[in-house]
């Protein structure tokens, strides 16, 4: 795609959080879709066309900095 010089573009992607579809901007992190510190978190990510579990520890602050990708499915409590 070609965009005019005087325009800005925001790339958005679709994910699912606690069963609800959500659109977030490219570069969003796992922490950015949570309104408080989770006790439990589960992330499923597309890999070769299949959802794969990504092992995370909710207590690990660095784990919550994980960038999101299109199609991610997140469950948290």
C-alpha atoms as a PDB file:
ATOM      1  CA  UNK A   1       0.000   0.000   0.000  1.00  0.00           C
ATOM      2  CA  UNK A   2       1.032   3.554  -0.603  1.00  0.00           C
ATOM      3  CA  UNK A   3      -0.047   6.353   1.724  1.00  0.00           C
ATOM      4  CA  UNK A   4       0.191  10.101   1.097  1.00  0.00           C
ATOM      5  CA  UNK A   5       3.035  11.929   2.853  1.00  0.00           C
ATOM      6  CA  UNK A   6       0.746  13.920   5.144  1.00  0.00           C
ATOM      7  CA  UNK A   7      -1.073  10.911   6.563  1.00  0.00           C
ATOM      8  CA  UNK A   8      -0.439   8.640   9.526  1.00  0.00           C
ATOM      9  CA  UNK A   9      -1.312   4.967   9.729  1.00  0.00           C
ATOM     10  CA  UNK A  10      -2.071   2.828  12.775  1.00  0.00           C
ATOM     11  CA  UNK A  11      -1.827  -0.917  12.265  1.00  0.00           C
ATOM     12  CA  UNK A  12      -4.418  -2.783  14.296  1.00  0.00           C
ATOM     13  CA  UNK A  13      -4.842  -6.493  14.945  1.00  0.00           C
ATOM     14  CA  UNK A  14      -7.581  -8.746  16.268  1.00  0.00           C
ATOM     15  CA  UNK A  15      -7.103 -10.806  19.437  1.00  0.00           C
ATOM     16  CA  UNK A  16      -9.463 -12.474  21.941  1.00  0.00           C
ATOM     17  CA  UNK A  17      -9.373 -11.578  25.650  1.00  0.00           C
ATOM     18  CA  UNK A  18     -11.446 -13.650  28.103  1.00  0.00           C
ATOM     19  CA  UNK A  19     -13.614 -14.850  25.221  1.00  0.00           C
ATOM     20  CA  UNK A  20     -14.339 -11.385  23.799  1.00  0.00           C
ATOM     21  CA  UNK A  21     -12.905 -10.149  20.482  1.00  0.00           C
ATOM     22  CA  UNK A  22     -10.697  -7.089  20.838  1.00  0.00           C
ATOM     23  CA  UNK A  23      -8.791  -4.907  18.396  1.00  0.00           C
ATOM     24  CA  UNK A  24      -5.434  -3.526  19.606  1.00  0.00           C
ATOM     25  CA  UNK A  25      -2.693  -1.510  17.947  1.00  0.00           C
ATOM     26  CA  UNK A  26       0.450  -3.210  16.691  1.00  0.00           C
ATOM     27  CA  UNK A  27       3.068  -3.257  19.469  1.00  0.00           C
ATOM     28  CA  UNK A  28       0.565  -3.763  22.294  1.00  0.00           C
ATOM     29  CA  UNK A  29       1.753  -5.942  25.166  1.00  0.00           C
ATOM     30  CA  UNK A  30       0.031  -8.593  27.222  1.00  0.00           C
ATOM     31  CA  UNK A  31      -0.100  -6.160  30.144  1.00  0.00           C
ATOM     32  CA  UNK A  32      -1.851  -3.515  28.028  1.00  0.00           C
ATOM     33  CA  UNK A  33      -5.061  -5.595  27.795  1.00  0.00           C
ATOM     34  CA  UNK A  34      -5.336  -6.103  31.570  1.00  0.00           C
ATOM     35  CA  UNK A  35      -6.779  -3.562  33.988  1.00  0.00           C
ATOM     36  CA  UNK A  36      -5.038  -5.081  37.029  1.00  0.00           C
ATOM     37  CA  UNK A  37      -2.269  -7.523  37.921  1.00  0.00           C
ATOM     38  CA  UNK A  38      -3.443 -11.060  37.026  1.00  0.00           C
ATOM     39  CA  UNK A  39      -3.349 -14.025  39.417  1.00  0.00           C
ATOM     40  CA  UNK A  40      -3.420 -16.416  36.467  1.00  0.00           C
ATOM     41  CA  UNK A  41      -2.770 -15.866  32.776  1.00  0.00           C
ATOM     42  CA  UNK A  42      -3.014 -18.180  29.781  1.00  0.00           C
ATOM     43  CA  UNK A  43      -1.894 -17.321  26.245  1.00  0.00           C
ATOM     44  CA  UNK A  44      -2.621 -19.353  23.125  1.00  0.00           C
ATOM     45  CA  UNK A  45      -0.818 -18.256  19.966  1.00  0.00           C
ATOM     46  CA  UNK A  46      -1.131 -19.368  16.355  1.00  0.00           C
ATOM     47  CA  UNK A  47       1.804 -21.507  15.271  1.00  0.00           C
ATOM     48  CA  UNK A  48       1.715 -23.267  11.893  1.00  0.00           C
ATOM     49  CA  UNK A  49      -2.053 -22.713  11.749  1.00  0.00           C
ATOM     50  CA  UNK A  50      -2.758 -24.200  15.190  1.00  0.00           C
ATOM     51  CA  UNK A  51      -3.231 -22.599  18.593  1.00  0.00           C
ATOM     52  CA  UNK A  52      -0.276 -23.418  20.842  1.00  0.00           C
ATOM     53  CA  UNK A  53       0.027 -22.756  24.577  1.00  0.00           C
ATOM     54  CA  UNK A  54       2.659 -20.183  25.528  1.00  0.00           C
ATOM     55  CA  UNK A  55       3.917 -20.901  29.057  1.00  0.00           C
ATOM     56  CA  UNK A  56       3.744 -17.783  31.259  1.00  0.00           C
ATOM     57  CA  UNK A  57       4.080 -17.021  34.951  1.00  0.00           C
ATOM     58  CA  UNK A  58       1.620 -14.319  36.056  1.00  0.00           C
ATOM     59  CA  UNK A  59       4.070 -13.272  38.808  1.00  0.00           C
ATOM     60  CA  UNK A  60       6.824 -12.523  36.263  1.00  0.00           C
ATOM     61  CA  UNK A  61       6.640  -8.800  35.410  1.00  0.00           C
ATOM     62  CA  UNK A  62       8.733  -9.366  32.267  1.00  0.00           C
ATOM     63  CA  UNK A  63       6.307 -11.998  30.964  1.00  0.00           C
ATOM     64  CA  UNK A  64       3.573  -9.359  30.904  1.00  0.00           C
ATOM     65  CA  UNK A  65       5.730  -7.249  28.551  1.00  0.00           C
ATOM     66  CA  UNK A  66       5.334  -9.911  25.840  1.00  0.00           C
ATOM     67  CA  UNK A  67       4.210  -8.285  22.562  1.00  0.00           C
ATOM     68  CA  UNK A  68       0.863  -9.485  21.262  1.00  0.00           C
ATOM     69  CA  UNK A  69       0.402 -10.976  17.799  1.00  0.00           C
ATOM     70  CA  UNK A  70      -2.685 -11.228  15.588  1.00  0.00           C
ATOM     71  CA  UNK A  71      -4.925 -14.122  16.614  1.00  0.00           C
ATOM     72  CA  UNK A  72      -3.628 -14.383  20.205  1.00  0.00           C
ATOM     73  CA  UNK A  73      -6.144 -15.748  22.720  1.00  0.00           C
ATOM     74  CA  UNK A  74      -5.669 -14.582  26.282  1.00  0.00           C
ATOM     75  CA  UNK A  75      -7.461 -15.719  29.436  1.00  0.00           C
ATOM     76  CA  UNK A  76      -6.691 -14.032  32.721  1.00  0.00           C
ATOM     77  CA  UNK A  77      -8.115 -13.749  36.266  1.00  0.00           C
END
